Protein backbone atom coordinates (compact mmCIF):
# COMPACT_ATOMS: atom_id res chain seq x y z
CA MET A 1 -112.54 -84.97 -27.96
CA ALA A 2 -110.44 -83.41 -25.19
CA LYS A 3 -107.78 -85.51 -23.57
CA LYS A 4 -108.28 -86.16 -19.88
CA LYS A 5 -105.61 -84.29 -17.94
CA ARG A 6 -103.56 -86.34 -15.52
CA LYS A 7 -103.80 -84.92 -12.02
CA LYS A 8 -100.60 -83.21 -10.94
CA HIS A 9 -98.88 -84.61 -7.91
CA HIS A 10 -95.87 -83.81 -5.80
CA PRO A 11 -92.56 -85.02 -7.30
CA ASP A 12 -91.99 -87.23 -4.25
CA TYR A 13 -95.19 -89.16 -4.96
CA GLU A 14 -95.36 -91.91 -7.56
CA PRO A 15 -99.04 -92.52 -8.37
CA ASP A 16 -98.40 -95.70 -10.36
CA VAL A 17 -97.29 -97.52 -7.22
CA GLU A 18 -99.08 -95.24 -4.73
CA CYS A 19 -95.86 -94.50 -2.81
CA GLY A 20 -94.20 -91.30 -1.82
CA SER A 21 -91.77 -89.64 0.51
CA LEU A 22 -92.62 -87.53 3.49
CA TYR A 23 -90.03 -85.22 4.98
CA LEU A 24 -90.24 -83.96 8.53
CA GLN A 25 -87.80 -82.88 11.16
CA LYS A 26 -87.04 -85.20 14.05
CA GLU A 27 -88.41 -82.58 16.43
CA VAL A 28 -91.76 -82.73 14.62
CA ALA A 29 -91.68 -86.54 14.61
CA VAL A 30 -91.21 -86.56 18.39
CA GLN A 31 -94.16 -84.20 18.82
CA VAL A 32 -96.33 -86.46 16.64
CA MET A 33 -95.30 -89.45 18.75
CA LEU A 34 -96.26 -87.59 21.92
CA ALA A 35 -99.64 -86.71 20.42
CA ILE A 36 -100.22 -90.35 19.45
CA ALA A 37 -99.27 -91.56 22.94
CA TYR A 38 -101.57 -88.99 24.55
CA SER A 39 -104.46 -89.97 22.28
CA LEU A 40 -104.01 -93.66 22.97
CA LYS A 41 -103.99 -93.09 26.71
CA HIS A 42 -106.74 -90.49 27.09
CA ASN A 43 -109.26 -90.98 24.27
CA ARG A 44 -111.69 -93.54 25.64
CA GLN A 45 -113.99 -93.22 22.60
CA MET A 46 -111.32 -94.43 20.19
CA THR A 47 -112.10 -97.76 18.57
CA GLU A 48 -109.60 -100.61 18.46
CA LEU A 49 -109.24 -100.05 14.72
CA ASP A 50 -108.37 -96.39 15.30
CA LYS A 51 -105.81 -97.43 17.92
CA GLN A 52 -104.26 -99.89 15.48
CA ARG A 53 -104.05 -97.18 12.82
CA LEU A 54 -102.28 -94.81 15.21
CA CYS A 55 -99.91 -97.60 16.21
CA VAL A 56 -98.98 -98.21 12.58
CA GLY A 57 -98.09 -94.54 12.19
CA ALA A 58 -96.14 -94.56 15.45
CA THR A 59 -94.23 -97.66 14.37
CA VAL A 60 -93.24 -96.07 11.07
CA ILE A 61 -92.08 -92.87 12.76
CA ASN A 62 -90.18 -94.81 15.41
CA ASP A 63 -88.48 -97.03 12.82
CA VAL A 64 -87.38 -94.07 10.71
CA PHE A 65 -86.17 -91.80 13.51
CA GLY A 66 -85.10 -94.35 16.12
CA ILE A 67 -86.97 -92.44 18.81
CA GLY A 68 -86.91 -95.40 21.19
CA ALA A 69 -90.64 -95.77 21.70
CA GLU A 70 -90.55 -99.56 21.75
CA GLU A 71 -91.93 -99.91 25.25
CA VAL A 72 -95.51 -101.16 25.30
CA ARG A 73 -97.80 -99.46 27.81
CA ASP A 74 -101.34 -100.40 28.79
CA GLY A 75 -101.44 -103.04 26.05
CA ASN A 76 -101.31 -100.43 23.28
CA CYS A 77 -99.27 -100.94 20.12
CA SER A 78 -98.36 -104.48 21.02
C-alpha cells in the first residue's frame, strides 16, 4: 500500500501548530492599511463580521509595523 505523501508547505509555515511567518515591506503594509480603511468606510454591504475580520488584520499589521493607526473612526475597529 502506498504511503500518503505529506503536503509540502513553505519553510516559514509549521503545519503542526498552524503558524507561519509572512514577510512584507512596510510600504506594502501601509497600502494594505489604506485599503482596509477605505473598505471599512465605503463598503456599505459589508457585514459586521467582515468588518471585525478586517480590523483583526489591521491590528496585526499596525502592531508589527507601528504605523500609528490607533485612532478609531466612525466606530470601526474599536
